[in-house]
Amino acid sequence: METFVKIDMLLVSEFDYVVREADELSQRALHRLFEALIRNQRQVVFTMTQEPNTYDELALPKLFELVNSGALVIIK
């Protein structure tokens, strides 16, 4: 975790796939990591195949709020 918090930017490709495969414990770890990066003024970028509000797989409301709180760019 300490190594990731020191990076300048984290790019998570196909975040929807990552979340679908993650159990609640893994989602909690992702949430802590993303919060730490944001707190340290680092960039976190997600790529998804659909808009974040369409994913019921996000078991943790806090993780959903965090993912959905940033700038959303839709590319078709």
C-alpha atoms as a PDB file:
ATOM      1  CA  MET A   1       0.000   0.000   0.000  1.00  0.00           C
ATOM      2  CA  GLU A   2       2.822   2.426   0.874  1.00  0.00           C
ATOM      3  CA  THR A   3       4.382   2.002  -2.571  1.00  0.00           C
ATOM      4  CA  PHE A   4       1.154   2.832  -4.373  1.00  0.00           C
ATOM      5  CA  VAL A   5       0.469   5.923  -2.264  1.00  0.00           C
ATOM      6  CA  LYS A   6       3.796   7.425  -3.374  1.00  0.00           C
ATOM      7  CA  ILE A   7       3.064   7.227  -7.105  1.00  0.00           C
ATOM      8  CA  ASP A   8       2.034  10.325  -9.061  1.00  0.00           C
ATOM      9  CA  MET A   9      -0.916   8.792 -10.881  1.00  0.00           C
ATOM     10  CA  LEU A  10      -2.785   5.494 -10.869  1.00  0.00           C
ATOM     11  CA  LEU A  11      -4.511   4.298 -14.045  1.00  0.00           C
ATOM     12  CA  VAL A  12      -6.949   1.427 -13.586  1.00  0.00           C
ATOM     13  CA  SER A  13      -7.961   0.013 -16.941  1.00  0.00           C
ATOM     14  CA  GLU A  14     -11.298  -1.786 -17.173  1.00  0.00           C
ATOM     15  CA  PHE A  15     -12.233  -0.883 -13.615  1.00  0.00           C
ATOM     16  CA  ASP A  16     -15.653  -2.488 -14.071  1.00  0.00           C
ATOM     17  CA  TYR A  17     -13.964  -5.864 -14.561  1.00  0.00           C
ATOM     18  CA  VAL A  18     -11.770  -5.332 -11.497  1.00  0.00           C
ATOM     19  CA  VAL A  19     -14.805  -4.536  -9.353  1.00  0.00           C
ATOM     20  CA  ARG A  20     -16.840  -7.473 -10.663  1.00  0.00           C
ATOM     21  CA  GLU A  21     -14.046  -9.841  -9.644  1.00  0.00           C
ATOM     22  CA  ALA A  22     -13.294  -8.193  -6.270  1.00  0.00           C
ATOM     23  CA  ASP A  23     -14.870  -9.343  -3.048  1.00  0.00           C
ATOM     24  CA  GLU A  24     -15.883  -6.885  -0.337  1.00  0.00           C
ATOM     25  CA  LEU A  25     -12.476  -7.052   1.377  1.00  0.00           C
ATOM     26  CA  SER A  26     -10.718  -6.205  -1.887  1.00  0.00           C
ATOM     27  CA  GLN A  27     -13.123  -3.338  -2.521  1.00  0.00           C
ATOM     28  CA  ARG A  28     -12.370  -1.966   0.944  1.00  0.00           C
ATOM     29  CA  ALA A  29      -8.636  -2.101   0.167  1.00  0.00           C
ATOM     30  CA  LEU A  30      -9.212  -0.297  -3.151  1.00  0.00           C
ATOM     31  CA  HIS A  31     -11.269   2.355  -1.375  1.00  0.00           C
ATOM     32  CA  ARG A  32      -8.488   2.977   1.174  1.00  0.00           C
ATOM     33  CA  LEU A  33      -5.885   3.153  -1.602  1.00  0.00           C
ATOM     34  CA  PHE A  34      -7.913   5.607  -3.690  1.00  0.00           C
ATOM     35  CA  GLU A  35      -8.639   7.818  -0.669  1.00  0.00           C
ATOM     36  CA  ALA A  36      -4.944   7.880   0.251  1.00  0.00           C
ATOM     37  CA  LEU A  37      -3.967   8.839  -3.287  1.00  0.00           C
ATOM     38  CA  ILE A  38      -6.557  11.593  -3.433  1.00  0.00           C
ATOM     39  CA  ARG A  39      -5.564  12.852   0.016  1.00  0.00           C
ATOM     40  CA  ASN A  40      -1.957  13.062  -1.250  1.00  0.00           C
ATOM     41  CA  GLN A  41      -3.189  15.027  -4.283  1.00  0.00           C
ATOM     42  CA  ARG A  42      -2.441  12.234  -6.738  1.00  0.00           C
ATOM     43  CA  GLN A  43      -4.507  11.469  -9.820  1.00  0.00           C
ATOM     44  CA  VAL A  44      -6.640   8.351 -10.070  1.00  0.00           C
ATOM     45  CA  VAL A  45      -7.972   7.495 -13.530  1.00  0.00           C
ATOM     46  CA  PHE A  46     -10.447   4.711 -14.285  1.00  0.00           C
ATOM     47  CA  THR A  47     -11.471   3.349 -17.651  1.00  0.00           C
ATOM     48  CA  MET A  48     -14.843   1.610 -17.826  1.00  0.00           C
ATOM     49  CA  THR A  49     -17.060   0.189 -20.522  1.00  0.00           C
ATOM     50  CA  GLN A  50     -20.144   1.930 -19.047  1.00  0.00           C
ATOM     51  CA  GLU A  51     -20.907   4.921 -16.831  1.00  0.00           C
ATOM     52  CA  PRO A  52     -20.186   4.324 -13.106  1.00  0.00           C
ATOM     53  CA  ASN A  53     -23.831   4.704 -12.086  1.00  0.00           C
ATOM     54  CA  THR A  54     -24.744   1.600 -14.101  1.00  0.00           C
ATOM     55  CA  TYR A  55     -22.675  -0.766 -11.965  1.00  0.00           C
ATOM     56  CA  ASP A  56     -24.510  -2.654  -9.279  1.00  0.00           C
ATOM     57  CA  GLU A  57     -21.329  -4.655  -8.641  1.00  0.00           C
ATOM     58  CA  LEU A  58     -19.944  -1.915  -6.413  1.00  0.00           C
ATOM     59  CA  ALA A  59     -20.839  -3.508  -3.099  1.00  0.00           C
ATOM     60  CA  LEU A  60     -19.460  -0.654  -1.055  1.00  0.00           C
ATOM     61  CA  PRO A  61     -21.426   2.598  -1.346  1.00  0.00           C
ATOM     62  CA  LYS A  62     -18.324   4.561  -0.313  1.00  0.00           C
ATOM     63  CA  LEU A  63     -16.340   3.102  -3.215  1.00  0.00           C
ATOM     64  CA  PHE A  64     -19.179   3.919  -5.609  1.00  0.00           C
ATOM     65  CA  GLU A  65     -19.329   7.511  -4.321  1.00  0.00           C
ATOM     66  CA  LEU A  66     -15.577   7.909  -4.675  1.00  0.00           C
ATOM     67  CA  VAL A  67     -15.506   6.545  -8.227  1.00  0.00           C
ATOM     68  CA  ASN A  68     -18.524   8.596  -9.241  1.00  0.00           C
ATOM     69  CA  SER A  69     -17.273  11.845  -7.651  1.00  0.00           C
ATOM     70  CA  GLY A  70     -14.651  12.791 -10.216  1.00  0.00           C
ATOM     71  CA  ALA A  71     -14.826  14.167 -13.714  1.00  0.00           C
ATOM     72  CA  LEU A  72     -16.635  11.877 -16.121  1.00  0.00           C
ATOM     73  CA  VAL A  73     -15.558  11.775 -19.766  1.00  0.00           C
ATOM     74  CA  ILE A  74     -17.579   9.616 -22.127  1.00  0.00           C
ATOM     75  CA  ILE A  75     -15.813   8.561 -25.315  1.00  0.00           C
ATOM     76  CA  LYS A  76     -17.807   6.746 -27.962  1.00  0.00           C
END
